Amino acid sequence: MPMNSLEIFLTILIMAAGTAATRFVSFWLFPAHKKTPNVVIYLGKVLPYSVMGMLIVYCLKDVSILHWSHGLPEFIAIGATAALHLWKKNMMISISAGTILYMILIQFVFN
């Protein structure tokens, strides 16, 4: 059954409120004049590396080294991403360049 205009408006309003709440709750929980809890500082240090490791595992879960290309585009792109990140220390540049390189490899080199 199709949604009417009021249902669509309320759905968008609820999604916008939820998104705004997730953005602002950290400012309410951790005001600037209070010390940030040690657990939050610790998570801020370890989670980026954990997320990157999880993304690498997720990206490689379906790679078969027994079939053509043998995972070469994935491993070349991961190596380029890691090398670029060690060189430039900029996550946006390294992830973007690695993704672009991977897409070029699977579209034009290993097709």
PDB file of N, CA and C in Angstrom:
ATOM      1  N   MET A   1       0.844  -1.175   0.000  1.00  0.00           N
ATOM      2  CA  MET A   1       0.000   0.000   0.000  1.00  0.00           C
ATOM      3  C   MET A   1       0.891   1.240   0.000  1.00  0.00           C
ATOM      4  N   PRO A   2       0.711   2.175  -0.928  1.00  0.00           N
ATOM      5  CA  PRO A   2       1.565   3.357  -1.014  1.00  0.00           C
ATOM      6  C   PRO A   2       1.359   4.293   0.172  1.00  0.00           C
ATOM      7  N   MET A   3       2.453   4.983   0.514  1.00  0.00           N
ATOM      8  CA  MET A   3       2.388   5.937   1.626  1.00  0.00           C
ATOM      9  C   MET A   3       1.810   7.257   1.134  1.00  0.00           C
ATOM     10  N   ASN A   4       1.043   7.907   1.990  1.00  0.00           N
ATOM     11  CA  ASN A   4       0.528   9.215   1.605  1.00  0.00           C
ATOM     12  C   ASN A   4       1.534  10.298   1.996  1.00  0.00           C
ATOM     13  N   SER A   5       1.241  11.525   1.650  1.00  0.00           N
ATOM     14  CA  SER A   5       2.173  12.632   1.866  1.00  0.00           C
ATOM     15  C   SER A   5       2.475  12.852   3.339  1.00  0.00           C
ATOM     16  N   LEU A   6       1.484  12.697   4.204  1.00  0.00           N
ATOM     17  CA  LEU A   6       1.699  12.893   5.641  1.00  0.00           C
ATOM     18  C   LEU A   6       2.646  11.831   6.190  1.00  0.00           C
ATOM     19  N   GLU A   7       2.490  10.579   5.769  1.00  0.00           N
ATOM     20  CA  GLU A   7       3.382   9.514   6.219  1.00  0.00           C
ATOM     21  C   GLU A   7       4.812   9.753   5.747  1.00  0.00           C
ATOM     22  N   ILE A   8       4.960  10.201   4.522  1.00  0.00           N
ATOM     23  CA  ILE A   8       6.298  10.502   3.988  1.00  0.00           C
ATOM     24  C   ILE A   8       6.922  11.644   4.780  1.00  0.00           C
ATOM     25  N   PHE A   9       6.152  12.699   5.038  1.00  0.00           N
ATOM     26  CA  PHE A   9       6.657  13.842   5.801  1.00  0.00           C
ATOM     27  C   PHE A   9       7.067  13.419   7.209  1.00  0.00           C
ATOM     28  N   LEU A  10       6.238  12.627   7.877  1.00  0.00           N
ATOM     29  CA  LEU A  10       6.566  12.174   9.228  1.00  0.00           C
ATOM     30  C   LEU A  10       7.792  11.262   9.236  1.00  0.00           C
ATOM     31  N   THR A  11       7.919  10.422   8.231  1.00  0.00           N
ATOM     32  CA  THR A  11       9.092   9.552   8.138  1.00  0.00           C
ATOM     33  C   THR A  11      10.364  10.374   7.991  1.00  0.00           C
ATOM     34  N   ILE A  12      10.347  11.366   7.120  1.00  0.00           N
ATOM     35  CA  ILE A  12      11.506  12.236   6.931  1.00  0.00           C
ATOM     36  C   ILE A  12      11.805  13.015   8.198  1.00  0.00           C
ATOM     37  N   LEU A  13      10.770  13.507   8.870  1.00  0.00           N
ATOM     38  CA  LEU A  13      10.941  14.261  10.111  1.00  0.00           C
ATOM     39  C   LEU A  13      11.573  13.393  11.199  1.00  0.00           C
ATOM     40  N   ILE A  14      11.104  12.168  11.336  1.00  0.00           N
ATOM     41  CA  ILE A  14      11.659  11.258  12.337  1.00  0.00           C
ATOM     42  C   ILE A  14      13.112  10.918  12.017  1.00  0.00           C
ATOM     43  N   MET A  15      13.423  10.673  10.738  1.00  0.00           N
ATOM     44  CA  MET A  15      14.810  10.371  10.355  1.00  0.00           C
ATOM     45  C   MET A  15      15.715  11.570  10.603  1.00  0.00           C
ATOM     46  N   ALA A  16      15.240  12.768  10.304  1.00  0.00           N
ATOM     47  CA  ALA A  16      16.033  13.971  10.537  1.00  0.00           C
ATOM     48  C   ALA A  16      16.266  14.182  12.033  1.00  0.00           C
ATOM     49  N   ALA A  17      15.246  13.958  12.843  1.00  0.00           N
ATOM     50  CA  ALA A  17      15.394  14.105  14.290  1.00  0.00           C
ATOM     51  C   ALA A  17      16.381  13.076  14.841  1.00  0.00           C
ATOM     52  N   GLY A  18      16.304  11.843  14.363  1.00  0.00           N
ATOM     53  CA  GLY A  18      17.237  10.815  14.803  1.00  0.00           C
ATOM     54  C   GLY A  18      18.675  11.131  14.416  1.00  0.00           C
ATOM     55  N   THR A  19      18.846  11.619  13.205  1.00  0.00           N
ATOM     56  CA  THR A  19      20.188  11.992  12.755  1.00  0.00           C
ATOM     57  C   THR A  19      20.729  13.155  13.574  1.00  0.00           C
ATOM     58  N   ALA A  20      19.914  14.171  13.796  1.00  0.00           N
ATOM     59  CA  ALA A  20      20.344  15.327  14.599  1.00  0.00           C
ATOM     60  C   ALA A  20      20.662  14.900  16.024  1.00  0.00           C
ATOM     61  N   ALA A  21      19.850  14.014  16.591  1.00  0.00           N
ATOM     62  CA  ALA A  21      20.089  13.559  17.962  1.00  0.00           C
ATOM     63  C   ALA A  21      21.436  12.850  18.085  1.00  0.00           C
ATOM     64  N   THR A  22      21.769  12.005  17.103  1.00  0.00           N
ATOM     65  CA  THR A  22      23.054  11.307  17.181  1.00  0.00           C
ATOM     66  C   THR A  22      24.229  12.269  17.032  1.00  0.00           C
ATOM     67  N   ARG A  23      24.029  13.380  16.329  1.00  0.00           N
ATOM     68  CA  ARG A  23      25.099  14.375  16.178  1.00  0.00           C
ATOM     69  C   ARG A  23      25.286  15.192  17.453  1.00  0.00           C
ATOM     70  N   PHE A  24      24.187  15.527  18.121  1.00  0.00           N
ATOM     71  CA  PHE A  24      24.259  16.450  19.255  1.00  0.00           C
ATOM     72  C   PHE A  24      24.439  15.768  20.605  1.00  0.00           C
ATOM     73  N   VAL A  25      24.153  14.484  20.696  1.00  0.00           N
ATOM     74  CA  VAL A  25      24.213  13.810  21.991  1.00  0.00           C
ATOM     75  C   VAL A  25      25.622  13.827  22.573  1.00  0.00           C
ATOM     76  N   SER A  26      26.646  13.766  21.736  1.00  0.00           N
ATOM     77  CA  SER A  26      28.014  13.796  22.271  1.00  0.00           C
ATOM     78  C   SER A  26      28.329  15.122  22.941  1.00  0.00           C
ATOM     79  N   PHE A  27      27.771  16.223  22.444  1.00  0.00           N
ATOM     80  CA  PHE A  27      27.997  17.520  23.075  1.00  0.00           C
ATOM     81  C   PHE A  27      27.273  17.620  24.411  1.00  0.00           C
ATOM     82  N   TRP A  28      26.151  16.926  24.548  1.00  0.00           N
ATOM     83  CA  TRP A  28      25.424  16.920  25.820  1.00  0.00           C
ATOM     84  C   TRP A  28      26.097  16.004  26.833  1.00  0.00           C
ATOM     85  N   LEU A  29      26.596  14.856  26.366  1.00  0.00           N
ATOM     86  CA  LEU A  29      27.238  13.910  27.273  1.00  0.00           C
ATOM     87  C   LEU A  29      28.628  14.366  27.713  1.00  0.00           C
ATOM     88  N   PHE A  30      29.348  15.014  26.824  1.00  0.00           N
ATOM     89  CA  PHE A  30      30.724  15.417  27.100  1.00  0.00           C
ATOM     90  C   PHE A  30      30.894  16.913  26.841  1.00  0.00           C
ATOM     91  N   PRO A  31      30.420  17.775  27.755  1.00  0.00           N
ATOM     92  CA  PRO A  31      30.554  19.214  27.540  1.00  0.00           C
ATOM     93  C   PRO A  31      32.021  19.644  27.562  1.00  0.00           C
ATOM     94  N   ALA A  32      32.297  20.773  26.950  1.00  0.00           N
ATOM     95  CA  ALA A  32      33.679  21.242  26.781  1.00  0.00           C
ATOM     96  C   ALA A  32      34.364  21.520  28.118  1.00  0.00           C
ATOM     97  N   HIS A  33      33.619  21.916  29.138  1.00  0.00           N
ATOM     98  CA  HIS A  33      34.241  22.282  30.415  1.00  0.00           C
ATOM     99  C   HIS A  33      34.555  21.073  31.304  1.00  0.00           C
ATOM    100  N   LYS A  34      34.151  19.876  30.880  1.00  0.00           N
ATOM    101  CA  LYS A  34      34.446  18.660  31.642  1.00  0.00           C
ATOM    102  C   LYS A  34      35.527  17.841  30.949  1.00  0.00           C
ATOM    103  N   LYS A  35      36.272  17.080  31.771  1.00  0.00           N
ATOM    104  CA  LYS A  35      37.303  16.201  31.216  1.00  0.00           C
ATOM    105  C   LYS A  35      36.632  15.026  30.497  1.00  0.00           C
ATOM    106  N   THR A  36      37.168  14.691  29.326  1.00  0.00           N
ATOM    107  CA  THR A  36      36.656  13.556  28.563  1.00  0.00           C
ATOM    108  C   THR A  36      37.023  12.267  29.292  1.00  0.00           C
ATOM    109  N   PRO A  37      36.075  11.349  29.453  1.00  0.00           N
ATOM    110  CA  PRO A  37      36.387  10.079  30.150  1.00  0.00           C
ATOM    111  C   PRO A  37      37.500   9.315  29.437  1.00  0.00           C
ATOM    112  N   ASN A  38      38.301   8.615  30.242  1.00  0.00           N
ATOM    113  CA  ASN A  38      39.439   7.872  29.692  1.00  0.00           C
ATOM    114  C   ASN A  38      39.011   6.814  28.687  1.00  0.00           C
ATOM    115  N   VAL A  39      37.855   6.176  28.915  1.00  0.00           N
ATOM    116  CA  VAL A  39      37.400   5.145  27.985  1.00  0.00           C
ATOM    117  C   VAL A  39      37.101   5.743  26.610  1.00  0.00           C
ATOM    118  N   VAL A  40      36.582   6.957  26.563  1.00  0.00           N
ATOM    119  CA  VAL A  40      36.299   7.616  25.289  1.00  0.00           C
ATOM    120  C   VAL A  40      37.610   7.983  24.587  1.00  0.00           C
ATOM    121  N   ILE A  41      38.582   8.444  25.331  1.00  0.00           N
ATOM    122  CA  ILE A  41      39.898   8.759  24.761  1.00  0.00           C
ATOM    123  C   ILE A  41      40.541   7.489  24.206  1.00  0.00           C
ATOM    124  N   TYR A  42      40.456   6.395  24.967  1.00  0.00           N
ATOM    125  CA  TYR A  42      41.002   5.112  24.519  1.00  0.00           C
ATOM    126  C   TYR A  42      40.315   4.636  23.233  1.00  0.00           C
ATOM    127  N   LEU A  43      38.990   4.686  23.210  1.00  0.00           N
ATOM    128  CA  LEU A  43      38.262   4.253  22.019  1.00  0.00           C
ATOM    129  C   LEU A  43      38.603   5.134  20.815  1.00  0.00           C
ATOM    130  N   GLY A  44      38.808   6.409  21.039  1.00  0.00           N
ATOM    131  CA  GLY A  44      39.195   7.303  19.954  1.00  0.00           C
ATOM    132  C   GLY A  44      40.545   6.938  19.356  1.00  0.00           C
ATOM    133  N   LYS A  45      41.399   6.323  20.168  1.00  0.00           N
ATOM    134  CA  LYS A  45      42.720   5.917  19.676  1.00  0.00           C
ATOM    135  C   LYS A  45      42.693   4.564  18.969  1.00  0.00           C
ATOM    136  N   VAL A  46      41.899   3.610  19.452  1.00  0.00           N
ATOM    137  CA  VAL A  46      41.967   2.251  18.914  1.00  0.00           C
ATOM    138  C   VAL A  46      40.917   1.942  17.857  1.00  0.00           C
ATOM    139  N   LEU A  47      39.777   2.601  17.882  1.00  0.00           N
ATOM    140  CA  LEU A  47      38.711   2.249  16.943  1.00  0.00           C
ATOM    141  C   LEU A  47      39.051   2.492  15.476  1.00  0.00           C
ATOM    142  N   PRO A  48      39.749   3.575  15.113  1.00  0.00           N
ATOM    143  CA  PRO A  48      40.065   3.733  13.688  1.00  0.00           C
ATOM    144  C   PRO A  48      40.853   2.550  13.126  1.00  0.00           C
ATOM    145  N   TYR A  49      41.811   2.032  13.882  1.00  0.00           N
ATOM    146  CA  TYR A  49      42.602   0.894  13.414  1.00  0.00           C
ATOM    147  C   TYR A  49      41.749  -0.380  13.379  1.00  0.00           C
ATOM    148  N   SER A  50      40.883  -0.528  14.367  1.00  0.00           N
ATOM    149  CA  SER A  50      40.002  -1.693  14.393  1.00  0.00           C
ATOM    150  C   SER A  50      39.040  -1.689  13.210  1.00  0.00           C
ATOM    151  N   VAL A  51      38.493  -0.535  12.899  1.00  0.00           N
ATOM    152  CA  VAL A  51      37.560  -0.422  11.775  1.00  0.00           C
ATOM    153  C   VAL A  51      38.285  -0.712  10.466  1.00  0.00           C
ATOM    154  N   MET A  52      39.488  -0.191  10.297  1.00  0.00           N
ATOM    155  CA  MET A  52      40.241  -0.460   9.074  1.00  0.00           C
ATOM    156  C   MET A  52      40.543  -1.954   8.937  1.00  0.00           C
ATOM    157  N   GLY A  53      40.932  -2.603  10.032  1.00  0.00           N
ATOM    158  CA  GLY A  53      41.179  -4.042   9.996  1.00  0.00           C
ATOM    159  C   GLY A  53      39.930  -4.816   9.629  1.00  0.00           C
ATOM    160  N   MET A  54      38.800  -4.416  10.203  1.00  0.00           N
ATOM    161  CA  MET A  54      37.538  -5.076   9.892  1.00  0.00           C
ATOM    162  C   MET A  54      37.165  -4.879   8.427  1.00  0.00           C
ATOM    163  N   LEU A  55      37.397  -3.688   7.884  1.00  0.00           N
ATOM    164  CA  LEU A  55      37.098  -3.432   6.478  1.00  0.00           C
ATOM    165  C   LEU A  55      37.979  -4.267   5.557  1.00  0.00           C
ATOM    166  N   ILE A  56      39.240  -4.438   5.919  1.00  0.00           N
ATOM    167  CA  ILE A  56      40.138  -5.261   5.106  1.00  0.00           C
ATOM    168  C   ILE A  56      39.658  -6.710   5.099  1.00  0.00           C
ATOM    169  N   VAL A  57      39.301  -7.236   6.267  1.00  0.00           N
ATOM    170  CA  VAL A  57      38.792  -8.608   6.338  1.00  0.00           C
ATOM    171  C   VAL A  57      37.516  -8.745   5.521  1.00  0.00           C
ATOM    172  N   TYR A  58      36.623  -7.766   5.634  1.00  0.00           N
ATOM    173  CA  TYR A  58      35.364  -7.817   4.881  1.00  0.00           C
ATOM    174  C   TYR A  58      35.623  -7.782   3.377  1.00  0.00           C
ATOM    175  N   CYS A  59      36.561  -6.941   2.952  1.00  0.00           N
ATOM    176  CA  CYS A  59      36.851  -6.823   1.513  1.00  0.00           C
ATOM    177  C   CYS A  59      37.499  -8.088   0.957  1.00  0.00           C
ATOM    178  N   LEU A  60      38.227  -8.808   1.768  1.00  0.00           N
ATOM    179  CA  LEU A  60      38.946  -9.986   1.280  1.00  0.00           C
ATOM    180  C   LEU A  60      38.207 -11.297   1.517  1.00  0.00           C
ATOM    181  N   LYS A  61      37.023 -11.257   2.130  1.00  0.00           N
ATOM    182  CA  LYS A  61      36.330 -12.493   2.508  1.00  0.00           C
ATOM    183  C   LYS A  61      35.933 -13.351   1.306  1.00  0.00           C
ATOM    184  N   ASP A  62      35.662 -12.745   0.157  1.00  0.00           N
ATOM    185  CA  ASP A  62      35.232 -13.513  -1.015  1.00  0.00           C
ATOM    186  C   ASP A  62      36.326 -13.674  -2.065  1.00  0.00           C
ATOM    187  N   VAL A  63      37.539 -13.288  -1.756  1.00  0.00           N
ATOM    188  CA  VAL A  63      38.638 -13.396  -2.714  1.00  0.00           C
ATOM    189  C   VAL A  63      39.092 -14.849  -2.788  1.00  0.00           C
ATOM    190  N   SER A  64      39.162 -15.349  -3.999  1.00  0.00           N
ATOM    191  CA  SER A  64      39.631 -16.717  -4.209  1.00  0.00           C
ATOM    192  C   SER A  64      41.000 -16.675  -4.882  1.00  0.00           C
ATOM    193  N   ILE A  65      41.995 -17.218  -4.209  1.00  0.00           N
ATOM    194  CA  ILE A  65      43.332 -17.235  -4.801  1.00  0.00           C
ATOM    195  C   ILE A  65      43.479 -18.374  -5.802  1.00  0.00           C
ATOM    196  N   LEU A  66      42.443 -19.215  -5.916  1.00  0.00           N
ATOM    197  CA  LEU A  66      42.496 -20.348  -6.839  1.00  0.00           C
ATOM    198  C   LEU A  66      41.946 -20.008  -8.219  1.00  0.00           C
ATOM    199  N   HIS A  67      41.280 -18.880  -8.368  1.00  0.00           N
ATOM    200  CA  HIS A  67      40.694 -18.484  -9.644  1.00  0.00           C
ATOM    201  C   HIS A  67      41.446 -17.291 -10.225  1.00  0.00           C
ATOM    202  N   TRP A  68      41.213 -17.034 -11.526  1.00  0.00           N
ATOM    203  CA  TRP A  68      41.924 -15.980 -12.236  1.00  0.00           C
ATOM    204  C   TRP A  68      41.855 -14.663 -11.490  1.00  0.00           C
ATOM    205  N   SER A  69      42.908 -13.994 -11.543  1.00  0.00           N
ATOM    206  CA  SER A  69      43.298 -12.747 -10.898  1.00  0.00           C
ATOM    207  C   SER A  69      43.864 -13.036  -9.512  1.00  0.00           C
ATOM    208  N   HIS A  70      43.518 -14.186  -8.922  1.00  0.00           N
ATOM    209  CA  HIS A  70      44.138 -14.672  -7.689  1.00  0.00           C
ATOM    210  C   HIS A  70      44.189 -13.623  -6.583  1.00  0.00           C
ATOM    211  N   GLY A  71      43.265 -12.680  -6.595  1.00  0.00           N
ATOM    212  CA  GLY A  71      43.233 -11.639  -5.569  1.00  0.00           C
ATOM    213  C   GLY A  71      44.226 -10.522  -5.821  1.00  0.00           C
ATOM    214  N   LEU A  72      44.863 -10.511  -6.990  1.00  0.00           N
ATOM    215  CA  LEU A  72      45.870  -9.489  -7.269  1.00  0.00           C
ATOM    216  C   LEU A  72      45.321  -8.061  -7.228  1.00  0.00           C
ATOM    217  N   PRO A  73      44.159  -7.768  -7.826  1.00  0.00           N
ATOM    218  CA  PRO A  73      43.683  -6.383  -7.745  1.00  0.00           C
ATOM    219  C   PRO A  73      43.454  -5.933  -6.304  1.00  0.00           C
ATOM    220  N   GLU A  74      42.920  -6.828  -5.489  1.00  0.00           N
ATOM    221  CA  GLU A  74      42.672  -6.481  -4.085  1.00  0.00           C
ATOM    222  C   GLU A  74      43.983  -6.229  -3.345  1.00  0.00           C
ATOM    223  N   PHE A  75      44.946  -7.120  -3.524  1.00  0.00           N
ATOM    224  CA  PHE A  75      46.202  -6.974  -2.799  1.00  0.00           C
ATOM    225  C   PHE A  75      47.023  -5.786  -3.304  1.00  0.00           C
ATOM    226  N   ILE A  76      46.977  -5.512  -4.597  1.00  0.00           N
ATOM    227  CA  ILE A  76      47.671  -4.333  -5.139  1.00  0.00           C
ATOM    228  C   ILE A  76      47.046  -3.057  -4.576  1.00  0.00           C
ATOM    229  N   ALA A  77      45.719  -3.000  -4.571  1.00  0.00           N
ATOM    230  CA  ALA A  77      45.044  -1.801  -4.053  1.00  0.00           C
ATOM    231  C   ALA A  77      45.281  -1.620  -2.558  1.00  0.00           C
ATOM    232  N   ILE A  78      45.256  -2.717  -1.796  1.00  0.00           N
ATOM    233  CA  ILE A  78      45.531  -2.615  -0.357  1.00  0.00           C
ATOM    234  C   ILE A  78      46.958  -2.147  -0.122  1.00  0.00           C
ATOM    235  N   GLY A  79      47.917  -2.698  -0.875  1.00  0.00           N
ATOM    236  CA  GLY A  79      49.303  -2.269  -0.739  1.00  0.00           C
ATOM    237  C   GLY A  79      49.491  -0.812  -1.085  1.00  0.00           C
ATOM    238  N   ALA A  80      48.842  -0.365  -2.169  1.00  0.00           N
ATOM    239  CA  ALA A  80      48.940   1.043  -2.556  1.00  0.00           C
ATOM    240  C   ALA A  80      48.304   1.948  -1.510  1.00  0.00           C
ATOM    241  N   THR A  81      47.175   1.518  -0.965  1.00  0.00           N
ATOM    242  CA  THR A  81      46.509   2.303   0.075  1.00  0.00           C
ATOM    243  C   THR A  81      47.397   2.425   1.310  1.00  0.00           C
ATOM    244  N   ALA A  82      47.986   1.315   1.734  1.00  0.00           N
ATOM    245  CA  ALA A  82      48.862   1.334   2.909  1.00  0.00           C
ATOM    246  C   ALA A  82      50.102   2.194   2.665  1.00  0.00           C
ATOM    247  N   ALA A  83      50.718   2.032   1.500  1.00  0.00           N
ATOM    248  CA  ALA A  83      51.921   2.817   1.196  1.00  0.00           C
ATOM    249  C   ALA A  83      51.608   4.310   1.131  1.00  0.00           C
ATOM    250  N   LEU A  84      50.503   4.648   0.486  1.00  0.00           N
ATOM    251  CA  LEU A  84      50.124   6.055   0.389  1.00  0.00           C
ATOM    252  C   LEU A  84      49.794   6.632   1.755  1.00  0.00           C
ATOM    253  N   HIS A  85      49.163   5.831   2.606  1.00  0.00           N
ATOM    254  CA  HIS A  85      48.845   6.331   3.943  1.00  0.00           C
ATOM    255  C   HIS A  85      50.109   6.522   4.778  1.00  0.00           C
ATOM    256  N   LEU A  86      51.059   5.602   4.656  1.00  0.00           N
ATOM    257  CA  LEU A  86      52.323   5.776   5.381  1.00  0.00           C
ATOM    258  C   LEU A  86      53.085   6.993   4.884  1.00  0.00           C
ATOM    259  N   TRP A  87      52.952   7.290   3.598  1.00  0.00           N
ATOM    260  CA  TRP A  87      53.659   8.430   3.008  1.00  0.00           C
ATOM    261  C   TRP A  87      52.972   9.755   3.346  1.00  0.00           C
ATOM    262  N   LYS A  88      51.658   9.849   3.094  1.00  0.00           N
ATOM    263  CA  LYS A  88      50.940  11.125   3.234  1.00  0.00           C
ATOM    264  C   LYS A  88      50.255  11.318   4.587  1.00  0.00           C
ATOM    265  N   LYS A  89      49.997  10.235   5.308  1.00  0.00           N
ATOM    266  CA  LYS A  89      49.296  10.292   6.600  1.00  0.00           C
ATOM    267  C   LYS A  89      47.935  10.972   6.495  1.00  0.00           C
ATOM    268  N   ASN A  90      47.234  10.721   5.378  1.00  0.00           N
ATOM    269  CA  ASN A  90      45.919  11.308   5.156  1.00  0.00           C
ATOM    270  C   ASN A  90      44.973  10.200   4.737  1.00  0.00           C
ATOM    271  N   MET A  91      44.044   9.864   5.632  1.00  0.00           N
ATOM    272  CA  MET A  91      43.160   8.727   5.387  1.00  0.00           C
ATOM    273  C   MET A  91      42.272   8.934   4.167  1.00  0.00           C
ATOM    274  N   MET A  92      41.766  10.138   3.973  1.00  0.00           N
ATOM    275  CA  MET A  92      40.878  10.396   2.835  1.00  0.00           C
ATOM    276  C   MET A  92      41.608  10.190   1.509  1.00  0.00           C
ATOM    277  N   ILE A  93      42.833  10.679   1.422  1.00  0.00           N
ATOM    278  CA  ILE A  93      43.610  10.525   0.186  1.00  0.00           C
ATOM    279  C   ILE A  93      43.931   9.052  -0.051  1.00  0.00           C
ATOM    280  N   SER A  94      44.386   8.356   0.988  1.00  0.00           N
ATOM    281  CA  SER A  94      44.803   6.969   0.796  1.00  0.00           C
ATOM    282  C   SER A  94      43.618   6.067   0.457  1.00  0.00           C
ATOM    283  N   ILE A  95      42.489   6.231   1.137  1.00  0.00           N
ATOM    284  CA  ILE A  95      41.321   5.395   0.842  1.00  0.00           C
ATOM    285  C   ILE A  95      40.767   5.716  -0.540  1.00  0.00           C
ATOM    286  N   SER A  96      40.687   6.993  -0.874  1.00  0.00           N
ATOM    287  CA  SER A  96      40.170   7.379  -2.198  1.00  0.00           C
ATOM    288  C   SER A  96      41.062   6.850  -3.311  1.00  0.00           C
ATOM    289  N   ALA A  97      42.360   7.035  -3.167  1.00  0.00           N
ATOM    290  CA  ALA A  97      43.283   6.575  -4.203  1.00  0.00           C
ATOM    291  C   ALA A  97      43.265   5.058  -4.313  1.00  0.00           C
ATOM    292  N   GLY A  98      43.204   4.346  -3.190  1.00  0.00           N
ATOM    293  CA  GLY A  98      43.135   2.893  -3.226  1.00  0.00           C
ATOM    294  C   GLY A  98      41.870   2.392  -3.893  1.00  0.00           C
ATOM    295  N   THR A  99      40.759   3.065  -3.619  1.00  0.00           N
ATOM    296  CA  THR A  99      39.490   2.681  -4.242  1.00  0.00           C
ATOM    297  C   THR A  99      39.525   2.933  -5.746  1.00  0.00           C
ATOM    298  N   ILE A 100      40.038   4.083  -6.142  1.00  0.00           N
ATOM    299  CA  ILE A 100      40.141   4.405  -7.573  1.00  0.00           C
ATOM    300  C   ILE A 100      41.066   3.411  -8.275  1.00  0.00           C
ATOM    301  N   LEU A 101      42.205   3.116  -7.655  1.00  0.00           N
ATOM    302  CA  LEU A 101      43.129   2.144  -8.235  1.00  0.00           C
ATOM    303  C   LEU A 101      42.466   0.776  -8.377  1.00  0.00           C
ATOM    304  N   TYR A 102      41.756   0.350  -7.366  1.00  0.00           N
ATOM    305  CA  TYR A 102      41.064  -0.941  -7.426  1.00  0.00           C
ATOM    306  C   TYR A 102      40.048  -0.969  -8.562  1.00  0.00           C
ATOM    307  N   MET A 103      39.276   0.090  -8.695  1.00  0.00           N
ATOM    308  CA  MET A 103      38.272   0.134  -9.757  1.00  0.00           C
ATOM    309  C   MET A 103      38.930   0.105 -11.138  1.00  0.00           C
ATOM    310  N   ILE A 104      40.044   0.812 -11.299  1.00  0.00           N
ATOM    311  CA  ILE A 104      40.771   0.787 -12.572  1.00  0.00           C
ATOM    312  C   ILE A 104      41.296  -0.630 -12.851  1.00  0.00           C
ATOM    313  N   LEU A 105      41.840  -1.258 -11.831  1.00  0.00           N
ATOM    314  CA  LEU A 105      42.388  -2.604 -12.007  1.00  0.00           C
ATOM    315  C   LEU A 105      41.320  -3.608 -12.406  1.00  0.00           C
ATOM    316  N   ILE A 106      40.147  -3.584 -11.738  1.00  0.00           N
ATOM    317  CA  ILE A 106      39.141  -4.596 -12.067  1.00  0.00           C
ATOM    318  C   ILE A 106      38.389  -4.274 -13.356  1.00  0.00           C
ATOM    319  N   GLN A 107      38.361  -3.000 -13.760  1.00  0.00           N
ATOM    320  CA  GLN A 107      37.630  -2.641 -14.989  1.00  0.00           C
ATOM    321  C   GLN A 107      38.486  -2.767 -16.244  1.00  0.00           C
ATOM    322  N   PHE A 108      39.788  -2.450 -16.122  1.00  0.00           N
ATOM    323  CA  PHE A 108      40.611  -2.361 -17.321  1.00  0.00           C
ATOM    324  C   PHE A 108      41.782  -3.344 -17.369  1.00  0.00           C
ATOM    325  N   VAL A 109      42.302  -3.774 -16.232  1.00  0.00           N
ATOM    326  CA  VAL A 109      43.488  -4.618 -16.240  1.00  0.00           C
ATOM    327  C   VAL A 109      43.126  -6.095 -16.042  1.00  0.00           C
ATOM    328  N   PHE A 110      42.309  -6.406 -15.050  1.00  0.00           N
ATOM    329  CA  PHE A 110      41.999  -7.804 -14.714  1.00  0.00           C
ATOM    330  C   PHE A 110      40.593  -8.191 -15.122  1.00  0.00           C
ATOM    331  N   ASN A 111      40.092  -7.679 -16.242  1.00  0.00           N
ATOM    332  CA  ASN A 111      38.706  -7.996 -16.634  1.00  0.00           C
ATOM    333  C   ASN A 111      38.618  -9.260 -17.441  1.00  0.00           C
TER     334      ASN A 111
END
